[in-house]
Amino acid sequence: MICSLESRQSAVHLKRDFFLSNASRARSEQFINLREVSTRHKLPPGEYIVVPSTFEPNVEGDFVLRVFSENRHGTVEMDDPISAQLPTEVSSQTEFGTLLYGPFAFYLY
């Protein structure tokens, strides 16, 4: 998922509210379990954040990003340690989807 940032947001940790109130500018066409995903996006000039994810929820994975640009650009790695407060027990797949995706949860079958 690629989201655009305002310049004042580039040095702060983005909370859940940011993603609820800002639509993604680009994302993978399909969310499938592949080792490699390659996509091409045309974005207007600006500051963006690339948010990687794994196919399996709550599973860490390695992430490599390659950026090719027709014009000069700058990239910055924001590799801060992160942690998650996971629920102790989830009673169903639907409840898990609601906890994970909140208002974006529909049917997870």
C-alpha atoms as a PDB file:
ATOM      1  CA  MET A   1       0.000   0.000   0.000  1.00  0.00           C
ATOM      2  CA  ILE A   2       1.298   3.464  -0.886  1.00  0.00           C
ATOM      3  CA  CYS A   3      -0.061   6.505   0.953  1.00  0.00           C
ATOM      4  CA  SER A   4       0.778  10.142   0.353  1.00  0.00           C
ATOM      5  CA  LEU A   5       2.146  12.209   3.224  1.00  0.00           C
ATOM      6  CA  GLU A   6       2.130  15.877   3.994  1.00  0.00           C
ATOM      7  CA  SER A   7       5.632  17.195   4.670  1.00  0.00           C
ATOM      8  CA  ARG A   8       4.953  17.613   8.392  1.00  0.00           C
ATOM      9  CA  GLN A   9       4.067  13.904   8.691  1.00  0.00           C
ATOM     10  CA  SER A  10       7.321  12.503   7.343  1.00  0.00           C
ATOM     11  CA  ALA A  11       9.105  12.251  10.702  1.00  0.00           C
ATOM     12  CA  VAL A  12       6.284  10.917  12.871  1.00  0.00           C
ATOM     13  CA  HIS A  13       4.914   7.462  13.659  1.00  0.00           C
ATOM     14  CA  LEU A  14       1.614   7.076  11.797  1.00  0.00           C
ATOM     15  CA  LYS A  15      -1.241   5.800  13.922  1.00  0.00           C
ATOM     16  CA  ARG A  16      -4.343   3.834  12.915  1.00  0.00           C
ATOM     17  CA  ASP A  17      -6.338   7.074  12.462  1.00  0.00           C
ATOM     18  CA  PHE A  18      -4.037   8.112   9.612  1.00  0.00           C
ATOM     19  CA  PHE A  19      -4.928   5.005   7.614  1.00  0.00           C
ATOM     20  CA  LEU A  20      -8.639   5.308   8.415  1.00  0.00           C
ATOM     21  CA  SER A  21      -8.803   8.896   7.155  1.00  0.00           C
ATOM     22  CA  ASN A  22      -6.379   8.708   4.191  1.00  0.00           C
ATOM     23  CA  ALA A  23      -7.025   6.524   1.182  1.00  0.00           C
ATOM     24  CA  SER A  24      -4.108   4.691  -0.373  1.00  0.00           C
ATOM     25  CA  ARG A  25      -2.707   6.217  -3.562  1.00  0.00           C
ATOM     26  CA  ALA A  26      -1.698   2.815  -4.957  1.00  0.00           C
ATOM     27  CA  ARG A  27      -1.627  -0.839  -3.942  1.00  0.00           C
ATOM     28  CA  SER A  28      -1.028  -4.284  -5.388  1.00  0.00           C
ATOM     29  CA  GLU A  29      -3.809  -5.388  -7.704  1.00  0.00           C
ATOM     30  CA  GLN A  30      -4.094  -8.774  -6.017  1.00  0.00           C
ATOM     31  CA  PHE A  31      -3.321  -9.721  -2.453  1.00  0.00           C
ATOM     32  CA  ILE A  32      -1.990 -13.238  -2.900  1.00  0.00           C
ATOM     33  CA  ASN A  33       0.695 -15.355  -1.273  1.00  0.00           C
ATOM     34  CA  LEU A  34       3.651 -14.733  -3.586  1.00  0.00           C
ATOM     35  CA  ARG A  35       7.329 -14.442  -2.846  1.00  0.00           C
ATOM     36  CA  GLU A  36       7.649 -11.408  -5.097  1.00  0.00           C
ATOM     37  CA  VAL A  37       5.214  -8.706  -6.143  1.00  0.00           C
ATOM     38  CA  SER A  38       6.165  -6.236  -8.843  1.00  0.00           C
ATOM     39  CA  THR A  39       3.938  -3.294  -9.684  1.00  0.00           C
ATOM     40  CA  ARG A  40       4.222  -0.042 -11.577  1.00  0.00           C
ATOM     41  CA  HIS A  41       2.590   3.152 -10.379  1.00  0.00           C
ATOM     42  CA  LYS A  42       2.548   6.680 -11.739  1.00  0.00           C
ATOM     43  CA  LEU A  43       2.390   9.117  -8.837  1.00  0.00           C
ATOM     44  CA  PRO A  44       2.454  12.910  -8.803  1.00  0.00           C
ATOM     45  CA  PRO A  45       5.431  14.582  -7.080  1.00  0.00           C
ATOM     46  CA  GLY A  46       5.166  14.379  -3.309  1.00  0.00           C
ATOM     47  CA  GLU A  47       6.108  12.424  -0.213  1.00  0.00           C
ATOM     48  CA  TYR A  48       4.841   8.867   0.122  1.00  0.00           C
ATOM     49  CA  ILE A  49       5.049   5.978   2.547  1.00  0.00           C
ATOM     50  CA  VAL A  50       5.135   2.351   1.392  1.00  0.00           C
ATOM     51  CA  VAL A  51       3.429   0.039   3.886  1.00  0.00           C
ATOM     52  CA  PRO A  52       4.451  -3.612   3.400  1.00  0.00           C
ATOM     53  CA  SER A  53       2.349  -6.509   4.605  1.00  0.00           C
ATOM     54  CA  THR A  54       2.505 -10.293   4.721  1.00  0.00           C
ATOM     55  CA  PHE A  55      -0.140 -12.707   3.481  1.00  0.00           C
ATOM     56  CA  GLU A  56      -0.489 -14.263   6.934  1.00  0.00           C
ATOM     57  CA  PRO A  57      -1.704 -11.903   9.689  1.00  0.00           C
ATOM     58  CA  ASN A  58       0.674 -11.217  12.595  1.00  0.00           C
ATOM     59  CA  VAL A  59       3.619 -12.851  10.802  1.00  0.00           C
ATOM     60  CA  GLU A  60       6.823 -10.907  10.254  1.00  0.00           C
ATOM     61  CA  GLY A  61       8.511 -11.021   6.889  1.00  0.00           C
ATOM     62  CA  ASP A  62      11.456  -9.549   5.038  1.00  0.00           C
ATOM     63  CA  PHE A  63      10.750  -6.704   2.682  1.00  0.00           C
ATOM     64  CA  VAL A  64      12.823  -5.350  -0.201  1.00  0.00           C
ATOM     65  CA  LEU A  65      11.807  -2.224  -2.081  1.00  0.00           C
ATOM     66  CA  ARG A  66      13.285  -1.142  -5.392  1.00  0.00           C
ATOM     67  CA  VAL A  67      12.314   2.247  -6.783  1.00  0.00           C
ATOM     68  CA  PHE A  68      12.849   3.121 -10.421  1.00  0.00           C
ATOM     69  CA  SER A  69      12.135   6.687 -11.440  1.00  0.00           C
ATOM     70  CA  GLU A  70      12.379   8.721 -14.620  1.00  0.00           C
ATOM     71  CA  ASN A  71      13.338  11.750 -12.524  1.00  0.00           C
ATOM     72  CA  ARG A  72      15.669  12.262  -9.588  1.00  0.00           C
ATOM     73  CA  HIS A  73      14.171  11.179  -6.277  1.00  0.00           C
ATOM     74  CA  GLY A  74      15.164  10.571  -2.702  1.00  0.00           C
ATOM     75  CA  THR A  75      14.289   7.648  -0.471  1.00  0.00           C
ATOM     76  CA  VAL A  76      14.630   7.253   3.282  1.00  0.00           C
ATOM     77  CA  GLU A  77      14.416   4.012   5.237  1.00  0.00           C
ATOM     78  CA  MET A  78      12.246   4.311   8.320  1.00  0.00           C
ATOM     79  CA  ASP A  79      13.310   1.146  10.115  1.00  0.00           C
ATOM     80  CA  ASP A  80      12.040   1.748  13.628  1.00  0.00           C
ATOM     81  CA  PRO A  81      11.267  -1.197  15.900  1.00  0.00           C
ATOM     82  CA  ILE A  82       7.545  -1.901  15.982  1.00  0.00           C
ATOM     83  CA  SER A  83       5.324  -3.962  18.212  1.00  0.00           C
ATOM     84  CA  ALA A  84       1.694  -4.981  18.248  1.00  0.00           C
ATOM     85  CA  GLN A  85      -0.775  -5.484  21.072  1.00  0.00           C
ATOM     86  CA  LEU A  86      -2.463  -8.700  19.951  1.00  0.00           C
ATOM     87  CA  PRO A  87      -5.692  -9.996  21.465  1.00  0.00           C
ATOM     88  CA  THR A  88      -5.150 -13.004  23.711  1.00  0.00           C
ATOM     89  CA  GLU A  89      -7.885 -15.121  22.140  1.00  0.00           C
ATOM     90  CA  VAL A  90     -10.061 -14.783  19.055  1.00  0.00           C
ATOM     91  CA  SER A  91     -13.213 -16.864  18.928  1.00  0.00           C
ATOM     92  CA  SER A  92     -13.849 -16.861  15.173  1.00  0.00           C
ATOM     93  CA  GLN A  93     -12.364 -15.906  11.828  1.00  0.00           C
ATOM     94  CA  THR A  94     -14.966 -13.158  11.431  1.00  0.00           C
ATOM     95  CA  GLU A  95     -14.080 -11.676  14.833  1.00  0.00           C
ATOM     96  CA  PHE A  96     -10.388 -11.812  13.881  1.00  0.00           C
ATOM     97  CA  GLY A  97     -11.118  -9.938  10.643  1.00  0.00           C
ATOM     98  CA  THR A  98     -13.078  -7.300  12.530  1.00  0.00           C
ATOM     99  CA  LEU A  99     -10.224  -6.830  15.006  1.00  0.00           C
ATOM    100  CA  LEU A 100      -7.628  -6.627  12.243  1.00  0.00           C
ATOM    101  CA  TYR A 101      -9.442  -4.525   9.655  1.00  0.00           C
ATOM    102  CA  GLY A 102     -12.036  -2.683  11.746  1.00  0.00           C
ATOM    103  CA  PRO A 103     -14.471  -0.798   9.523  1.00  0.00           C
ATOM    104  CA  PHE A 104     -12.890  -2.340   6.415  1.00  0.00           C
ATOM    105  CA  ALA A 105     -13.860  -5.893   7.457  1.00  0.00           C
ATOM    106  CA  PHE A 106     -16.487  -7.579   5.342  1.00  0.00           C
ATOM    107  CA  TYR A 107     -16.637 -11.328   4.810  1.00  0.00           C
ATOM    108  CA  LEU A 108     -13.465 -13.341   5.330  1.00  0.00           C
ATOM    109  CA  TYR A 109     -14.056 -16.770   3.815  1.00  0.00           C
END
